[in-house]
Amino acid sequence: MNSINIVGNIGKIEELQLIGNDIPVLSFSVATTDYMGKSKGQVTNWHTVNVIGSTAKYVADYGRKNKNA
């Protein structure tokens, strides 16, 4: 299994979808910021993340609660 850790701010959260035998799937975006030195300053990068199963349900609930806080 491949994995990566992205630390940033949640952007747009898509609707939770069910596929196959009611397997939850969720897509959302995460913004990260890099400092590129004095000449370029800060650069924001957007990453699209796709999660499935119980993780999708958790992110859908947790992300929406904290995004509206």
PDB file of N, CA and C in Angstrom:
ATOM      1  N   MET A   1       0.839  -1.175   0.000  1.00  0.00           N
ATOM      2  CA  MET A   1       0.000   0.000   0.000  1.00  0.00           C
ATOM      3  C   MET A   1       0.886   1.241   0.000  1.00  0.00           C
ATOM      4  N   ASN A   2       0.534   2.196  -0.833  1.00  0.00           N
ATOM      5  CA  ASN A   2       1.231   3.478  -0.872  1.00  0.00           C
ATOM      6  C   ASN A   2       0.497   4.479   0.002  1.00  0.00           C
ATOM      7  N   SER A   3       1.238   5.300   0.695  1.00  0.00           N
ATOM      8  CA  SER A   3       0.590   6.335   1.504  1.00  0.00           C
ATOM      9  C   SER A   3       1.458   7.589   1.490  1.00  0.00           C
ATOM     10  N   ILE A   4       0.797   8.715   1.748  1.00  0.00           N
ATOM     11  CA  ILE A   4       1.474  10.005   1.803  1.00  0.00           C
ATOM     12  C   ILE A   4       0.758  10.857   2.843  1.00  0.00           C
ATOM     13  N   ASN A   5       1.491  11.680   3.554  1.00  0.00           N
ATOM     14  CA  ASN A   5       0.897  12.599   4.531  1.00  0.00           C
ATOM     15  C   ASN A   5       0.935  14.001   3.962  1.00  0.00           C
ATOM     16  N   ILE A   6      -0.235  14.625   3.872  1.00  0.00           N
ATOM     17  CA  ILE A   6      -0.341  16.005   3.411  1.00  0.00           C
ATOM     18  C   ILE A   6      -0.917  16.814   4.565  1.00  0.00           C
ATOM     19  N   VAL A   7      -0.177  17.810   4.999  1.00  0.00           N
ATOM     20  CA  VAL A   7      -0.633  18.661   6.098  1.00  0.00           C
ATOM     21  C   VAL A   7      -0.967  20.025   5.508  1.00  0.00           C
ATOM     22  N   GLY A   8      -2.218  20.424   5.653  1.00  0.00           N
ATOM     23  CA  GLY A   8      -2.641  21.703   5.097  1.00  0.00           C
ATOM     24  C   GLY A   8      -4.059  22.025   5.510  1.00  0.00           C
ATOM     25  N   ASN A   9      -4.703  22.869   4.732  1.00  0.00           N
ATOM     26  CA  ASN A   9      -6.073  23.294   5.010  1.00  0.00           C
ATOM     27  C   ASN A   9      -7.030  22.653   4.015  1.00  0.00           C
ATOM     28  N   ILE A  10      -8.153  22.136   4.539  1.00  0.00           N
ATOM     29  CA  ILE A  10      -9.158  21.525   3.679  1.00  0.00           C
ATOM     30  C   ILE A  10      -9.854  22.614   2.878  1.00  0.00           C
ATOM     31  N   GLY A  11     -10.000  22.360   1.590  1.00  0.00           N
ATOM     32  CA  GLY A  11     -10.712  23.284   0.716  1.00  0.00           C
ATOM     33  C   GLY A  11     -12.099  22.751   0.433  1.00  0.00           C
ATOM     34  N   LYS A  12     -12.386  22.493  -0.813  1.00  0.00           N
ATOM     35  CA  LYS A  12     -13.702  22.023  -1.234  1.00  0.00           C
ATOM     36  C   LYS A  12     -13.880  20.534  -0.898  1.00  0.00           C
ATOM     37  N   ILE A  13     -15.011  20.206  -0.270  1.00  0.00           N
ATOM     38  CA  ILE A  13     -15.355  18.820   0.018  1.00  0.00           C
ATOM     39  C   ILE A  13     -16.521  18.435  -0.879  1.00  0.00           C
ATOM     40  N   GLU A  14     -16.310  17.436  -1.722  1.00  0.00           N
ATOM     41  CA  GLU A  14     -17.367  16.962  -2.617  1.00  0.00           C
ATOM     42  C   GLU A  14     -18.410  16.178  -1.819  1.00  0.00           C
ATOM     43  N   GLU A  15     -19.500  15.826  -2.467  1.00  0.00           N
ATOM     44  CA  GLU A  15     -20.528  15.008  -1.834  1.00  0.00           C
ATOM     45  C   GLU A  15     -20.015  13.576  -1.662  1.00  0.00           C
ATOM     46  N   LEU A  16     -20.357  12.974  -0.544  1.00  0.00           N
ATOM     47  CA  LEU A  16     -20.033  11.572  -0.287  1.00  0.00           C
ATOM     48  C   LEU A  16     -20.850  10.722  -1.255  1.00  0.00           C
ATOM     49  N   GLN A  17     -20.180   9.853  -2.006  1.00  0.00           N
ATOM     50  CA  GLN A  17     -20.860   9.002  -2.967  1.00  0.00           C
ATOM     51  C   GLN A  17     -20.722   7.550  -2.543  1.00  0.00           C
ATOM     52  N   LEU A  18     -21.683   6.725  -2.945  1.00  0.00           N
ATOM     53  CA  LEU A  18     -21.634   5.291  -2.672  1.00  0.00           C
ATOM     54  C   LEU A  18     -21.443   4.555  -3.989  1.00  0.00           C
ATOM     55  N   ILE A  19     -20.493   3.624  -4.010  1.00  0.00           N
ATOM     56  CA  ILE A  19     -20.262   2.825  -5.207  1.00  0.00           C
ATOM     57  C   ILE A  19     -20.398   1.347  -4.865  1.00  0.00           C
ATOM     58  N   GLY A  20     -20.601   0.527  -5.880  1.00  0.00           N
ATOM     59  CA  GLY A  20     -20.660  -0.917  -5.672  1.00  0.00           C
ATOM     60  C   GLY A  20     -21.655  -1.314  -4.608  1.00  0.00           C
ATOM     61  N   ASN A  21     -21.197  -2.062  -3.635  1.00  0.00           N
ATOM     62  CA  ASN A  21     -22.040  -2.520  -2.522  1.00  0.00           C
ATOM     63  C   ASN A  21     -22.045  -1.489  -1.402  1.00  0.00           C
ATOM     64  N   ASP A  22     -22.465  -0.268  -1.723  1.00  0.00           N
ATOM     65  CA  ASP A  22     -22.553   0.835  -0.760  1.00  0.00           C
ATOM     66  C   ASP A  22     -21.216   1.158  -0.093  1.00  0.00           C
ATOM     67  N   ILE A  23     -20.159   1.210  -0.893  1.00  0.00           N
ATOM     68  CA  ILE A  23     -18.842   1.601  -0.399  1.00  0.00           C
ATOM     69  C   ILE A  23     -18.723   3.120  -0.547  1.00  0.00           C
ATOM     70  N   PRO A  24     -18.508   3.856   0.570  1.00  0.00           N
ATOM     71  CA  PRO A  24     -18.410   5.315   0.491  1.00  0.00           C
ATOM     72  C   PRO A  24     -17.100   5.768  -0.153  1.00  0.00           C
ATOM     73  N   VAL A  25     -17.200   6.795  -0.994  1.00  0.00           N
ATOM     74  CA  VAL A  25     -16.046   7.398  -1.676  1.00  0.00           C
ATOM     75  C   VAL A  25     -16.176   8.911  -1.544  1.00  0.00           C
ATOM     76  N   LEU A  26     -15.068   9.574  -1.260  1.00  0.00           N
ATOM     77  CA  LEU A  26     -15.094  11.027  -1.084  1.00  0.00           C
ATOM     78  C   LEU A  26     -13.859  11.650  -1.726  1.00  0.00           C
ATOM     79  N   SER A  27     -14.047  12.777  -2.394  1.00  0.00           N
ATOM     80  CA  SER A  27     -12.943  13.572  -2.939  1.00  0.00           C
ATOM     81  C   SER A  27     -12.969  14.937  -2.262  1.00  0.00           C
ATOM     82  N   PHE A  28     -11.787  15.441  -1.942  1.00  0.00           N
ATOM     83  CA  PHE A  28     -11.696  16.781  -1.369  1.00  0.00           C
ATOM     84  C   PHE A  28     -10.339  17.366  -1.724  1.00  0.00           C
ATOM     85  N   SER A  29     -10.197  18.663  -1.534  1.00  0.00           N
ATOM     86  CA  SER A  29      -8.931  19.318  -1.848  1.00  0.00           C
ATOM     87  C   SER A  29      -8.265  19.804  -0.564  1.00  0.00           C
ATOM     88  N   VAL A  30      -6.932  19.836  -0.612  1.00  0.00           N
ATOM     89  CA  VAL A  30      -6.133  20.309   0.515  1.00  0.00           C
ATOM     90  C   VAL A  30      -5.124  21.319  -0.019  1.00  0.00           C
ATOM     91  N   ALA A  31      -5.021  22.458   0.651  1.00  0.00           N
ATOM     92  CA  ALA A  31      -4.059  23.495   0.260  1.00  0.00           C
ATOM     93  C   ALA A  31      -2.830  23.408   1.155  1.00  0.00           C
ATOM     94  N   THR A  32      -1.652  23.415   0.535  1.00  0.00           N
ATOM     95  CA  THR A  32      -0.398  23.496   1.275  1.00  0.00           C
ATOM     96  C   THR A  32       0.351  24.730   0.794  1.00  0.00           C
ATOM     97  N   THR A  33       1.176  25.280   1.651  1.00  0.00           N
ATOM     98  CA  THR A  33       1.911  26.492   1.306  1.00  0.00           C
ATOM     99  C   THR A  33       3.406  26.239   1.452  1.00  0.00           C
ATOM    100  N   ASP A  34       4.162  26.625   0.431  1.00  0.00           N
ATOM    101  CA  ASP A  34       5.621  26.525   0.445  1.00  0.00           C
ATOM    102  C   ASP A  34       6.202  27.927   0.402  1.00  0.00           C
ATOM    103  N   TYR A  35       7.276  28.132   1.134  1.00  0.00           N
ATOM    104  CA  TYR A  35       7.986  29.403   1.068  1.00  0.00           C
ATOM    105  C   TYR A  35       9.129  29.237   0.083  1.00  0.00           C
ATOM    106  N   MET A  36       9.127  30.058  -0.980  1.00  0.00           N
ATOM    107  CA  MET A  36      10.085  29.909  -2.066  1.00  0.00           C
ATOM    108  C   MET A  36      11.201  30.955  -2.023  1.00  0.00           C
ATOM    109  N   GLY A  37      11.396  31.566  -0.905  1.00  0.00           N
ATOM    110  CA  GLY A  37      12.452  32.579  -0.796  1.00  0.00           C
ATOM    111  C   GLY A  37      11.903  33.988  -0.986  1.00  0.00           C
ATOM    112  N   LYS A  38      12.763  34.959  -0.800  1.00  0.00           N
ATOM    113  CA  LYS A  38      12.339  36.366  -0.872  1.00  0.00           C
ATOM    114  C   LYS A  38      11.796  36.752  -2.240  1.00  0.00           C
ATOM    115  N   SER A  39      12.365  36.198  -3.300  1.00  0.00           N
ATOM    116  CA  SER A  39      11.961  36.628  -4.644  1.00  0.00           C
ATOM    117  C   SER A  39      10.554  36.147  -5.011  1.00  0.00           C
ATOM    118  N   LYS A  40      10.185  34.931  -4.610  1.00  0.00           N
ATOM    119  CA  LYS A  40       8.874  34.386  -4.990  1.00  0.00           C
ATOM    120  C   LYS A  40       7.861  34.394  -3.854  1.00  0.00           C
ATOM    121  N   GLY A  41       8.318  34.466  -2.617  1.00  0.00           N
ATOM    122  CA  GLY A  41       7.405  34.486  -1.474  1.00  0.00           C
ATOM    123  C   GLY A  41       6.725  33.146  -1.259  1.00  0.00           C
ATOM    124  N   GLN A  42       5.471  33.183  -0.838  1.00  0.00           N
ATOM    125  CA  GLN A  42       4.716  31.962  -0.564  1.00  0.00           C
ATOM    126  C   GLN A  42       3.973  31.497  -1.806  1.00  0.00           C
ATOM    127  N   VAL A  43       3.964  30.185  -2.000  1.00  0.00           N
ATOM    128  CA  VAL A  43       3.258  29.580  -3.122  1.00  0.00           C
ATOM    129  C   VAL A  43       2.287  28.547  -2.562  1.00  0.00           C
ATOM    130  N   THR A  44       1.001  28.654  -2.947  1.00  0.00           N
ATOM    131  CA  THR A  44      -0.012  27.708  -2.493  1.00  0.00           C
ATOM    132  C   THR A  44      -0.205  26.627  -3.541  1.00  0.00           C
ATOM    133  N   ASN A  45      -0.153  25.378  -3.098  1.00  0.00           N
ATOM    134  CA  ASN A  45      -0.382  24.229  -3.965  1.00  0.00           C
ATOM    135  C   ASN A  45      -1.660  23.534  -3.530  1.00  0.00           C
ATOM    136  N   TRP A  46      -2.499  23.156  -4.493  1.00  0.00           N
ATOM    137  CA  TRP A  46      -3.742  22.438  -4.202  1.00  0.00           C
ATOM    138  C   TRP A  46      -3.574  20.975  -4.581  1.00  0.00           C
ATOM    139  N   HIS A  47      -3.999  20.089  -3.678  1.00  0.00           N
ATOM    140  CA  HIS A  47      -3.907  18.646  -3.882  1.00  0.00           C
ATOM    141  C   HIS A  47      -5.319  18.060  -3.839  1.00  0.00           C
ATOM    142  N   THR A  48      -5.635  17.177  -4.769  1.00  0.00           N
ATOM    143  CA  THR A  48      -6.914  16.473  -4.740  1.00  0.00           C
ATOM    144  C   THR A  48      -6.697  15.138  -4.052  1.00  0.00           C
ATOM    145  N   VAL A  49      -7.520  14.857  -3.049  1.00  0.00           N
ATOM    146  CA  VAL A  49      -7.399  13.638  -2.260  1.00  0.00           C
ATOM    147  C   VAL A  49      -8.666  12.812  -2.437  1.00  0.00           C
ATOM    148  N   ASN A  50      -8.513  11.508  -2.655  1.00  0.00           N
ATOM    149  CA  ASN A  50      -9.639  10.580  -2.763  1.00  0.00           C
ATOM    150  C   ASN A  50      -9.507   9.543  -1.659  1.00  0.00           C
ATOM    151  N   VAL A  51     -10.572   9.338  -0.904  1.00  0.00           N
ATOM    152  CA  VAL A  51     -10.564   8.338   0.165  1.00  0.00           C
ATOM    153  C   VAL A  51     -11.788   7.433   0.024  1.00  0.00           C
ATOM    154  N   ILE A  52     -11.665   6.196   0.513  1.00  0.00           N
ATOM    155  CA  ILE A  52     -12.772   5.238   0.426  1.00  0.00           C
ATOM    156  C   ILE A  52     -13.024   4.599   1.790  1.00  0.00           C
ATOM    157  N   GLY A  53     -14.181   3.985   1.906  1.00  0.00           N
ATOM    158  CA  GLY A  53     -14.532   3.234   3.111  1.00  0.00           C
ATOM    159  C   GLY A  53     -14.839   4.122   4.301  1.00  0.00           C
ATOM    160  N   SER A  54     -14.508   3.609   5.485  1.00  0.00           N
ATOM    161  CA  SER A  54     -14.822   4.333   6.719  1.00  0.00           C
ATOM    162  C   SER A  54     -14.071   5.660   6.796  1.00  0.00           C
ATOM    163  N   THR A  55     -12.906   5.748   6.157  1.00  0.00           N
ATOM    164  CA  THR A  55     -12.160   7.007   6.140  1.00  0.00           C
ATOM    165  C   THR A  55     -12.944   8.087   5.409  1.00  0.00           C
ATOM    166  N   ALA A  56     -13.633   7.708   4.345  1.00  0.00           N
ATOM    167  CA  ALA A  56     -14.444   8.673   3.597  1.00  0.00           C
ATOM    168  C   ALA A  56     -15.559   9.234   4.464  1.00  0.00           C
ATOM    169  N   LYS A  57     -16.232   8.369   5.222  1.00  0.00           N
ATOM    170  CA  LYS A  57     -17.301   8.837   6.119  1.00  0.00           C
ATOM    171  C   LYS A  57     -16.740   9.781   7.177  1.00  0.00           C
ATOM    172  N   TYR A  58     -15.601   9.413   7.772  1.00  0.00           N
ATOM    173  CA  TYR A  58     -14.985  10.219   8.819  1.00  0.00           C
ATOM    174  C   TYR A  58     -14.605  11.605   8.298  1.00  0.00           C
ATOM    175  N   VAL A  59     -13.948  11.650   7.139  1.00  0.00           N
ATOM    176  CA  VAL A  59     -13.517  12.927   6.579  1.00  0.00           C
ATOM    177  C   VAL A  59     -14.720  13.790   6.219  1.00  0.00           C
ATOM    178  N   ALA A  60     -15.770  13.173   5.673  1.00  0.00           N
ATOM    179  CA  ALA A  60     -16.971  13.929   5.306  1.00  0.00           C
ATOM    180  C   ALA A  60     -17.577  14.604   6.543  1.00  0.00           C
ATOM    181  N   ASP A  61     -17.696  13.857   7.631  1.00  0.00           N
ATOM    182  CA  ASP A  61     -18.281  14.415   8.863  1.00  0.00           C
ATOM    183  C   ASP A  61     -17.342  15.419   9.533  1.00  0.00           C
ATOM    184  N   TYR A  62     -16.117  15.019   9.749  1.00  0.00           N
ATOM    185  CA  TYR A  62     -15.135  15.841  10.457  1.00  0.00           C
ATOM    186  C   TYR A  62     -14.814  17.118   9.670  1.00  0.00           C
ATOM    187  N   GLY A  63     -14.600  16.970   8.377  1.00  0.00           N
ATOM    188  CA  GLY A  63     -14.236  18.111   7.546  1.00  0.00           C
ATOM    189  C   GLY A  63     -15.323  19.163   7.498  1.00  0.00           C
ATOM    190  N   ARG A  64     -16.560  18.742   7.338  1.00  0.00           N
ATOM    191  CA  ARG A  64     -17.665  19.706   7.271  1.00  0.00           C
ATOM    192  C   ARG A  64     -17.881  20.403   8.606  1.00  0.00           C
ATOM    193  N   LYS A  65     -17.789  19.673   9.711  1.00  0.00           N
ATOM    194  CA  LYS A  65     -17.960  20.279  11.040  1.00  0.00           C
ATOM    195  C   LYS A  65     -16.917  21.370  11.267  1.00  0.00           C
ATOM    196  N   ASN A  66     -15.666  21.056  10.985  1.00  0.00           N
ATOM    197  CA  ASN A  66     -14.595  21.995  11.264  1.00  0.00           C
ATOM    198  C   ASN A  66     -14.470  23.096  10.235  1.00  0.00           C
ATOM    199  N   LYS A  67     -14.936  22.870   9.038  1.00  0.00           N
ATOM    200  CA  LYS A  67     -14.906  23.901   8.013  1.00  0.00           C
ATOM    201  C   LYS A  67     -15.913  25.010   8.342  1.00  0.00           C
ATOM    202  N   ASN A  68     -17.018  24.631   8.997  1.00  0.00           N
ATOM    203  CA  ASN A  68     -18.056  25.604   9.342  1.00  0.00           C
ATOM    204  C   ASN A  68     -17.833  26.248  10.700  1.00  0.00           C
ATOM    205  N   ALA A  69     -16.788  25.837  11.404  1.00  0.00           N
ATOM    206  CA  ALA A  69     -16.552  26.357  12.762  1.00  0.00           C
ATOM    207  C   ALA A  69     -15.997  27.760  12.725  1.00  0.00           C
TER     208      ALA A  69
END
